[in-house]
Amino acid sequence: MKIRIALLLLVATSLVGAEVVTALPSSGVIDVLVKEWKLDMTSTTHTAGKITFNLDSRGTILHEVVIIKTDKLARDLVAEINPTTLRLDEESFDSPGEYGDLPAGNTGVFTIDLSPGHYVVMCNIEAHYGAGMYSDLTIVRP
């Protein structure tokens, strides 16, 4: 009986503290589907190094893709949107790169070198971030 209880406690403790681990991509490519009002990425965890972002705009209006490095989660940055411009102040963040002006129905590609850390991938056109056009991206050591 004691062994069975100890085993149950061990299993319960393991499940509570367990993290879901997803396999890291073997290539340096992340596909990004851009549309109103979201950015869907094929990977939200990736190894550090040169990463190519393949953009596919399936929205009906102009978008952009900006990457910023920040310790904050994307949803927490909504509180920092400027009420006048309805945008985040990109100058207040470390931005390793962006792809501006991605018209509806078009594709785009850009490659940047990302070091380990937390990033937010977003559209920062007026009111787009506040509408949910963002995604978290974690870059880990190879």
Foldseek 3Di string as FASTA:
>chain_A
DVVVVVVVVVVVVCVVPDDDDDDADPDQEWEWEDEPQEIDIPAQEHAFFKHKYKYFAQYQAWWKKWKFFDQDFLVVCCVQQDPVQQFHDCVVTHTQDMGHTDGHGHIDMDMGGDDFGKMKIATGHRNNSNRYYIDIHGYHHD
